[in-house]
Amino acid sequence: MAQYLFERIIQWALLGITIIYVLTGLGITQFRIIEHATFGLLSKNLSFAIHDNLLIPFIVLLVLHIAVKPVKQIYQKRKRTK
């Protein structure tokens, strides 16, 4: 059950960061539209700062998301052989 919860947390966190990453990327390139859509909350400078700081968490969550299933299978295989 804990493994399932861990996987779900990673999946939802990755989804959230991906949405924010895309939104802030649009805020950099299409800043007039995003500023208007967010009622002035995301300016071009703030979008760039957020976008720049999300790269490492995005990569870490992506690697965890990809690696969870193979690691879980290896763990279960070793557990069965013991």
PDB file of N, CA and C in Angstrom:
ATOM      1  N   MET A   1       0.826  -1.199   0.000  1.00  0.00           N
ATOM      2  CA  MET A   1       0.000   0.000   0.000  1.00  0.00           C
ATOM      3  C   MET A   1       0.868   1.259   0.000  1.00  0.00           C
ATOM      4  N   ALA A   2       1.972   1.233   0.753  1.00  0.00           N
ATOM      5  CA  ALA A   2       2.848   2.397   0.818  1.00  0.00           C
ATOM      6  C   ALA A   2       3.515   2.650  -0.528  1.00  0.00           C
ATOM      7  N   GLN A   3       3.842   1.555  -1.243  1.00  0.00           N
ATOM      8  CA  GLN A   3       4.457   1.714  -2.563  1.00  0.00           C
ATOM      9  C   GLN A   3       3.471   2.362  -3.534  1.00  0.00           C
ATOM     10  N   TYR A   4       2.235   1.939  -3.458  1.00  0.00           N
ATOM     11  CA  TYR A   4       1.203   2.511  -4.323  1.00  0.00           C
ATOM     12  C   TYR A   4       1.030   4.000  -4.032  1.00  0.00           C
ATOM     13  N   LEU A   5       1.015   4.362  -2.762  1.00  0.00           N
ATOM     14  CA  LEU A   5       0.885   5.767  -2.370  1.00  0.00           C
ATOM     15  C   LEU A   5       2.069   6.577  -2.869  1.00  0.00           C
ATOM     16  N   PHE A   6       3.276   6.009  -2.753  1.00  0.00           N
ATOM     17  CA  PHE A   6       4.487   6.674  -3.235  1.00  0.00           C
ATOM     18  C   PHE A   6       4.399   6.926  -4.741  1.00  0.00           C
ATOM     19  N   GLU A   7       3.934   5.925  -5.494  1.00  0.00           N
ATOM     20  CA  GLU A   7       3.787   6.083  -6.943  1.00  0.00           C
ATOM     21  C   GLU A   7       2.766   7.163  -7.275  1.00  0.00           C
ATOM     22  N   ARG A   8       1.647   7.174  -6.581  1.00  0.00           N
ATOM     23  CA  ARG A   8       0.601   8.169  -6.834  1.00  0.00           C
ATOM     24  C   ARG A   8       1.091   9.583  -6.518  1.00  0.00           C
ATOM     25  N   ILE A   9       1.845   9.733  -5.445  1.00  0.00           N
ATOM     26  CA  ILE A   9       2.386  11.049  -5.094  1.00  0.00           C
ATOM     27  C   ILE A   9       3.321  11.535  -6.186  1.00  0.00           C
ATOM     28  N   ILE A  10       4.184  10.654  -6.668  1.00  0.00           N
ATOM     29  CA  ILE A  10       5.104  11.030  -7.745  1.00  0.00           C
ATOM     30  C   ILE A  10       4.326  11.406  -9.007  1.00  0.00           C
ATOM     31  N   GLN A  11       3.316  10.621  -9.339  1.00  0.00           N
ATOM     32  CA  GLN A  11       2.535  10.901 -10.547  1.00  0.00           C
ATOM     33  C   GLN A  11       1.835  12.252 -10.470  1.00  0.00           C
ATOM     34  N   TRP A  12       1.183  12.534  -9.358  1.00  0.00           N
ATOM     35  CA  TRP A  12       0.459  13.804  -9.222  1.00  0.00           C
ATOM     36  C   TRP A  12       1.419  14.991  -9.141  1.00  0.00           C
ATOM     37  N   ALA A  13       2.548  14.809  -8.455  1.00  0.00           N
ATOM     38  CA  ALA A  13       3.530  15.897  -8.376  1.00  0.00           C
ATOM     39  C   ALA A  13       4.107  16.189  -9.758  1.00  0.00           C
ATOM     40  N   LEU A  14       4.398  15.141 -10.515  1.00  0.00           N
ATOM     41  CA  LEU A  14       4.922  15.334 -11.872  1.00  0.00           C
ATOM     42  C   LEU A  14       3.895  16.021 -12.764  1.00  0.00           C
ATOM     43  N   LEU A  15       2.647  15.644 -12.633  1.00  0.00           N
ATOM     44  CA  LEU A  15       1.592  16.306 -13.411  1.00  0.00           C
ATOM     45  C   LEU A  15       1.500  17.786 -13.058  1.00  0.00           C
ATOM     46  N   GLY A  16       1.514  18.096 -11.777  1.00  0.00           N
ATOM     47  CA  GLY A  16       1.436  19.490 -11.337  1.00  0.00           C
ATOM     48  C   GLY A  16       2.613  20.315 -11.826  1.00  0.00           C
ATOM     49  N   ILE A  17       3.809  19.773 -11.688  1.00  0.00           N
ATOM     50  CA  ILE A  17       4.997  20.512 -12.128  1.00  0.00           C
ATOM     51  C   ILE A  17       5.005  20.661 -13.645  1.00  0.00           C
ATOM     52  N   THR A  18       4.538  19.655 -14.366  1.00  0.00           N
ATOM     53  CA  THR A  18       4.485  19.755 -15.825  1.00  0.00           C
ATOM     54  C   THR A  18       3.522  20.857 -16.262  1.00  0.00           C
ATOM     55  N   ILE A  19       2.377  20.926 -15.615  1.00  0.00           N
ATOM     56  CA  ILE A  19       1.408  21.979 -15.959  1.00  0.00           C
ATOM     57  C   ILE A  19       1.987  23.359 -15.656  1.00  0.00           C
ATOM     58  N   ILE A  20       2.602  23.508 -14.497  1.00  0.00           N
ATOM     59  CA  ILE A  20       3.212  24.797 -14.146  1.00  0.00           C
ATOM     60  C   ILE A  20       4.354  25.120 -15.096  1.00  0.00           C
ATOM     61  N   TYR A  21       5.148  24.109 -15.462  1.00  0.00           N
ATOM     62  CA  TYR A  21       6.273  24.304 -16.372  1.00  0.00           C
ATOM     63  C   TYR A  21       5.797  24.806 -17.735  1.00  0.00           C
ATOM     64  N   VAL A  22       4.737  24.205 -18.249  1.00  0.00           N
ATOM     65  CA  VAL A  22       4.188  24.637 -19.544  1.00  0.00           C
ATOM     66  C   VAL A  22       3.578  26.035 -19.427  1.00  0.00           C
ATOM     67  N   LEU A  23       2.836  26.275 -18.361  1.00  0.00           N
ATOM     68  CA  LEU A  23       2.202  27.578 -18.169  1.00  0.00           C
ATOM     69  C   LEU A  23       3.234  28.695 -18.053  1.00  0.00           C
ATOM     70  N   THR A  24       4.303  28.461 -17.302  1.00  0.00           N
ATOM     71  CA  THR A  24       5.333  29.496 -17.168  1.00  0.00           C
ATOM     72  C   THR A  24       6.139  29.640 -18.451  1.00  0.00           C
ATOM     73  N   GLY A  25       6.291  28.538 -19.206  1.00  0.00           N
ATOM     74  CA  GLY A  25       6.957  28.648 -20.513  1.00  0.00           C
ATOM     75  C   GLY A  25       6.156  29.508 -21.465  1.00  0.00           C
ATOM     76  N   LEU A  26       4.849  29.337 -21.426  1.00  0.00           N
ATOM     77  CA  LEU A  26       3.986  30.215 -22.228  1.00  0.00           C
ATOM     78  C   LEU A  26       4.037  31.644 -21.698  1.00  0.00           C
ATOM     79  N   GLY A  27       4.198  31.783 -20.382  1.00  0.00           N
ATOM     80  CA  GLY A  27       4.302  33.118 -19.788  1.00  0.00           C
ATOM     81  C   GLY A  27       5.548  33.857 -20.229  1.00  0.00           C
ATOM     82  N   ILE A  28       6.571  33.113 -20.629  1.00  0.00           N
ATOM     83  CA  ILE A  28       7.794  33.741 -21.135  1.00  0.00           C
ATOM     84  C   ILE A  28       7.612  34.155 -22.590  1.00  0.00           C
ATOM     85  N   THR A  29       7.041  33.270 -23.393  1.00  0.00           N
ATOM     86  CA  THR A  29       6.936  33.550 -24.830  1.00  0.00           C
ATOM     87  C   THR A  29       5.685  34.357 -25.188  1.00  0.00           C
ATOM     88  N   GLN A  30       4.576  34.074 -24.537  1.00  0.00           N
ATOM     89  CA  GLN A  30       3.310  34.755 -24.807  1.00  0.00           C
ATOM     90  C   GLN A  30       2.855  35.495 -23.551  1.00  0.00           C
ATOM     91  N   PHE A  31       3.722  36.353 -23.035  1.00  0.00           N
ATOM     92  CA  PHE A  31       3.476  36.955 -21.720  1.00  0.00           C
ATOM     93  C   PHE A  31       2.236  37.833 -21.674  1.00  0.00           C
ATOM     94  N   ARG A  32       1.861  38.449 -22.768  1.00  0.00           N
ATOM     95  CA  ARG A  32       0.669  39.310 -22.736  1.00  0.00           C
ATOM     96  C   ARG A  32      -0.600  38.485 -22.520  1.00  0.00           C
ATOM     97  N   ILE A  33      -0.662  37.331 -23.153  1.00  0.00           N
ATOM     98  CA  ILE A  33      -1.839  36.461 -23.004  1.00  0.00           C
ATOM     99  C   ILE A  33      -1.889  35.874 -21.597  1.00  0.00           C
ATOM    100  N   ILE A  34      -0.749  35.390 -21.102  1.00  0.00           N
ATOM    101  CA  ILE A  34      -0.705  34.749 -19.781  1.00  0.00           C
ATOM    102  C   ILE A  34      -0.937  35.775 -18.671  1.00  0.00           C
ATOM    103  N   GLU A  35      -0.391  36.970 -18.810  1.00  0.00           N
ATOM    104  CA  GLU A  35      -0.654  38.011 -17.804  1.00  0.00           C
ATOM    105  C   GLU A  35      -2.147  38.308 -17.731  1.00  0.00           C
ATOM    106  N   HIS A  36      -2.781  38.403 -18.860  1.00  0.00           N
ATOM    107  CA  HIS A  36      -4.221  38.677 -18.888  1.00  0.00           C
ATOM    108  C   HIS A  36      -5.011  37.490 -18.326  1.00  0.00           C
ATOM    109  N   ALA A  37      -4.625  36.265 -18.708  1.00  0.00           N
ATOM    110  CA  ALA A  37      -5.352  35.063 -18.265  1.00  0.00           C
ATOM    111  C   ALA A  37      -5.205  34.824 -16.762  1.00  0.00           C
ATOM    112  N   THR A  38      -4.060  35.222 -16.193  1.00  0.00           N
ATOM    113  CA  THR A  38      -3.845  35.023 -14.750  1.00  0.00           C
ATOM    114  C   THR A  38      -4.119  36.301 -13.958  1.00  0.00           C
ATOM    115  N   PHE A  39      -4.770  37.268 -14.584  1.00  0.00           N
ATOM    116  CA  PHE A  39      -5.123  38.548 -13.948  1.00  0.00           C
ATOM    117  C   PHE A  39      -3.893  39.263 -13.385  1.00  0.00           C
ATOM    118  N   GLY A  40      -2.797  39.209 -14.139  1.00  0.00           N
ATOM    119  CA  GLY A  40      -1.576  39.906 -13.760  1.00  0.00           C
ATOM    120  C   GLY A  40      -0.713  39.171 -12.761  1.00  0.00           C
ATOM    121  N   LEU A  41      -1.099  37.949 -12.392  1.00  0.00           N
ATOM    122  CA  LEU A  41      -0.334  37.189 -11.406  1.00  0.00           C
ATOM    123  C   LEU A  41       1.012  36.739 -11.948  1.00  0.00           C
ATOM    124  N   LEU A  42       1.047  36.282 -13.194  1.00  0.00           N
ATOM    125  CA  LEU A  42       2.297  35.817 -13.801  1.00  0.00           C
ATOM    126  C   LEU A  42       2.812  36.843 -14.799  1.00  0.00           C
ATOM    127  N   SER A  43       3.818  37.574 -14.397  1.00  0.00           N
ATOM    128  CA  SER A  43       4.476  38.489 -15.326  1.00  0.00           C
ATOM    129  C   SER A  43       5.567  37.720 -16.066  1.00  0.00           C
ATOM    130  N   LYS A  44       6.187  38.368 -17.029  1.00  0.00           N
ATOM    131  CA  LYS A  44       7.236  37.703 -17.798  1.00  0.00           C
ATOM    132  C   LYS A  44       8.418  37.354 -16.904  1.00  0.00           C
ATOM    133  N   ASN A  45       8.818  38.263 -16.029  1.00  0.00           N
ATOM    134  CA  ASN A  45       9.963  38.011 -15.150  1.00  0.00           C
ATOM    135  C   ASN A  45       9.673  36.908 -14.136  1.00  0.00           C
ATOM    136  N   LEU A  46       8.481  36.928 -13.553  1.00  0.00           N
ATOM    137  CA  LEU A  46       8.115  35.892 -12.592  1.00  0.00           C
ATOM    138  C   LEU A  46       7.994  34.539 -13.288  1.00  0.00           C
ATOM    139  N   SER A  47       7.433  34.511 -14.474  1.00  0.00           N
ATOM    140  CA  SER A  47       7.328  33.262 -15.238  1.00  0.00           C
ATOM    141  C   SER A  47       8.708  32.687 -15.519  1.00  0.00           C
ATOM    142  N   PHE A  48       9.636  33.544 -15.905  1.00  0.00           N
ATOM    143  CA  PHE A  48      10.992  33.079 -16.186  1.00  0.00           C
ATOM    144  C   PHE A  48      11.657  32.531 -14.933  1.00  0.00           C
ATOM    145  N   ALA A  49      11.490  33.211 -13.815  1.00  0.00           N
ATOM    146  CA  ALA A  49      12.106  32.754 -12.560  1.00  0.00           C
ATOM    147  C   ALA A  49      11.544  31.402 -12.125  1.00  0.00           C
ATOM    148  N   ILE A  50      10.232  31.250 -12.190  1.00  0.00           N
ATOM    149  CA  ILE A  50       9.603  29.979 -11.812  1.00  0.00           C
ATOM    150  C   ILE A  50      10.028  28.882 -12.786  1.00  0.00           C
ATOM    151  N   HIS A  51       9.983  29.166 -14.062  1.00  0.00           N
ATOM    152  CA  HIS A  51      10.344  28.194 -15.090  1.00  0.00           C
ATOM    153  C   HIS A  51      11.792  27.737 -14.923  1.00  0.00           C
ATOM    154  N   ASP A  52      12.667  28.672 -14.635  1.00  0.00           N
ATOM    155  CA  ASP A  52      14.084  28.367 -14.467  1.00  0.00           C
ATOM    156  C   ASP A  52      14.321  27.491 -13.228  1.00  0.00           C
ATOM    157  N   ASN A  53      13.585  27.739 -12.156  1.00  0.00           N
ATOM    158  CA  ASN A  53      13.778  26.988 -10.914  1.00  0.00           C
ATOM    159  C   ASN A  53      13.067  25.639 -10.901  1.00  0.00           C
ATOM    160  N   LEU A  54      12.203  25.355 -11.859  1.00  0.00           N
ATOM    161  CA  LEU A  54      11.488  24.078 -11.901  1.00  0.00           C
ATOM    162  C   LEU A  54      12.217  22.995 -12.677  1.00  0.00           C
ATOM    163  N   LEU A  55      13.322  23.310 -13.306  1.00  0.00           N
ATOM    164  CA  LEU A  55      14.007  22.322 -14.140  1.00  0.00           C
ATOM    165  C   LEU A  55      14.486  21.123 -13.321  1.00  0.00           C
ATOM    166  N   ILE A  56      15.181  21.352 -12.225  1.00  0.00           N
ATOM    167  CA  ILE A  56      15.716  20.245 -11.418  1.00  0.00           C
ATOM    168  C   ILE A  56      14.592  19.411 -10.794  1.00  0.00           C
ATOM    169  N   PRO A  57      13.577  20.016 -10.142  1.00  0.00           N
ATOM    170  CA  PRO A  57      12.484  19.174  -9.620  1.00  0.00           C
ATOM    171  C   PRO A  57      11.766  18.387 -10.709  1.00  0.00           C
ATOM    172  N   PHE A  58      11.605  18.979 -11.882  1.00  0.00           N
ATOM    173  CA  PHE A  58      10.963  18.278 -12.991  1.00  0.00           C
ATOM    174  C   PHE A  58      11.773  17.050 -13.400  1.00  0.00           C
ATOM    175  N   ILE A  59      13.086  17.209 -13.535  1.00  0.00           N
ATOM    176  CA  ILE A  59      13.946  16.096 -13.939  1.00  0.00           C
ATOM    177  C   ILE A  59      13.957  15.007 -12.870  1.00  0.00           C
ATOM    178  N   VAL A  60      14.049  15.394 -11.594  1.00  0.00           N
ATOM    179  CA  VAL A  60      14.063  14.419 -10.503  1.00  0.00           C
ATOM    180  C   VAL A  60      12.760  13.619 -10.488  1.00  0.00           C
ATOM    181  N   LEU A  61      11.629  14.291 -10.577  1.00  0.00           N
ATOM    182  CA  LEU A  61      10.347  13.588 -10.583  1.00  0.00           C
ATOM    183  C   LEU A  61      10.180  12.719 -11.823  1.00  0.00           C
ATOM    184  N   LEU A  62      10.666  13.170 -12.953  1.00  0.00           N
ATOM    185  CA  LEU A  62      10.583  12.369 -14.174  1.00  0.00           C
ATOM    186  C   LEU A  62      11.407  11.096 -14.046  1.00  0.00           C
ATOM    187  N   VAL A  63      12.604  11.205 -13.510  1.00  0.00           N
ATOM    188  CA  VAL A  63      13.456  10.021 -13.307  1.00  0.00           C
ATOM    189  C   VAL A  63      12.813   9.073 -12.307  1.00  0.00           C
ATOM    190  N   LEU A  64      12.278   9.602 -11.212  1.00  0.00           N
ATOM    191  CA  LEU A  64      11.588   8.752 -10.235  1.00  0.00           C
ATOM    192  C   LEU A  64      10.384   8.062 -10.865  1.00  0.00           C
ATOM    193  N   HIS A  65       9.634   8.788 -11.650  1.00  0.00           N
ATOM    194  CA  HIS A  65       8.455   8.238 -12.302  1.00  0.00           C
ATOM    195  C   HIS A  65       8.837   7.081 -13.229  1.00  0.00           C
ATOM    196  N   ILE A  66       9.934   7.240 -13.952  1.00  0.00           N
ATOM    197  CA  ILE A  66      10.384   6.210 -14.880  1.00  0.00           C
ATOM    198  C   ILE A  66      10.993   5.025 -14.134  1.00  0.00           C
ATOM    199  N   ALA A  67      11.705   5.277 -13.036  1.00  0.00           N
ATOM    200  CA  ALA A  67      12.466   4.236 -12.348  1.00  0.00           C
ATOM    201  C   ALA A  67      11.659   3.436 -11.331  1.00  0.00           C
ATOM    202  N   VAL A  68      10.514   3.894 -10.915  1.00  0.00           N
ATOM    203  CA  VAL A  68       9.773   3.218  -9.842  1.00  0.00           C
ATOM    204  C   VAL A  68       9.385   1.802 -10.231  1.00  0.00           C
ATOM    205  N   LYS A  69       8.842   1.609 -11.400  1.00  0.00           N
ATOM    206  CA  LYS A  69       8.352   0.284 -11.784  1.00  0.00           C
ATOM    207  C   LYS A  69       9.490  -0.733 -11.920  1.00  0.00           C
ATOM    208  N   PRO A  70      10.594  -0.435 -12.619  1.00  0.00           N
ATOM    209  CA  PRO A  70      11.681  -1.422 -12.690  1.00  0.00           C
ATOM    210  C   PRO A  70      12.287  -1.744 -11.315  1.00  0.00           C
ATOM    211  N   VAL A  71      12.425  -0.742 -10.472  1.00  0.00           N
ATOM    212  CA  VAL A  71      12.972  -0.976  -9.132  1.00  0.00           C
ATOM    213  C   VAL A  71      12.021  -1.851  -8.324  1.00  0.00           C
ATOM    214  N   LYS A  72      10.748  -1.606  -8.452  1.00  0.00           N
ATOM    215  CA  LYS A  72       9.744  -2.414  -7.749  1.00  0.00           C
ATOM    216  C   LYS A  72       9.772  -3.858  -8.234  1.00  0.00           C
ATOM    217  N   GLN A  73       9.933  -4.062  -9.541  1.00  0.00           N
ATOM    218  CA  GLN A  73       9.996  -5.417 -10.079  1.00  0.00           C
ATOM    219  C   GLN A  73      11.242  -6.151  -9.608  1.00  0.00           C
ATOM    220  N   ILE A  74      12.378  -5.472  -9.565  1.00  0.00           N
ATOM    221  CA  ILE A  74      13.612  -6.080  -9.065  1.00  0.00           C
ATOM    222  C   ILE A  74      13.464  -6.451  -7.598  1.00  0.00           C
ATOM    223  N   TYR A  75      12.888  -5.565  -6.818  1.00  0.00           N
ATOM    224  CA  TYR A  75      12.669  -5.826  -5.400  1.00  0.00           C
ATOM    225  C   TYR A  75      11.758  -7.032  -5.194  1.00  0.00           C
ATOM    226  N   GLN A  76      10.685  -7.133  -5.953  1.00  0.00           N
ATOM    227  CA  GLN A  76       9.761  -8.255  -5.816  1.00  0.00           C
ATOM    228  C   GLN A  76      10.404  -9.558  -6.268  1.00  0.00           C
ATOM    229  N   LYS A  77      11.239  -9.497  -7.310  1.00  0.00           N
ATOM    230  CA  LYS A  77      11.922 -10.694  -7.782  1.00  0.00           C
ATOM    231  C   LYS A  77      12.900 -11.200  -6.723  1.00  0.00           C
ATOM    232  N   ARG A  78      13.656 -10.300  -6.097  1.00  0.00           N
ATOM    233  CA  ARG A  78      14.588 -10.690  -5.033  1.00  0.00           C
ATOM    234  C   ARG A  78      13.859 -11.210  -3.816  1.00  0.00           C
ATOM    235  N   LYS A  79      12.722 -10.623  -3.541  1.00  0.00           N
ATOM    236  CA  LYS A  79      11.933 -11.038  -2.368  1.00  0.00           C
ATOM    237  C   LYS A  79      11.406 -12.469  -2.567  1.00  0.00           C
ATOM    238  N   ARG A  80      11.018 -12.795  -3.793  1.00  0.00           N
ATOM    239  CA  ARG A  80      10.512 -14.143  -4.087  1.00  0.00           C
ATOM    240  C   ARG A  80      11.601 -15.203  -4.011  1.00  0.00           C
ATOM    241  N   THR A  81      12.829 -14.850  -4.406  1.00  0.00           N
ATOM    242  CA  THR A  81      13.904 -15.837  -4.415  1.00  0.00           C
ATOM    243  C   THR A  81      14.440 -16.136  -3.010  1.00  0.00           C
ATOM    244  N   LYS A  82      14.236 -15.268  -2.058  1.00  0.00           N
ATOM    245  CA  LYS A  82      14.757 -15.494  -0.700  1.00  0.00           C
ATOM    246  C   LYS A  82      13.891 -16.380   0.102  1.00  0.00           C
TER     247      LYS A  82
END
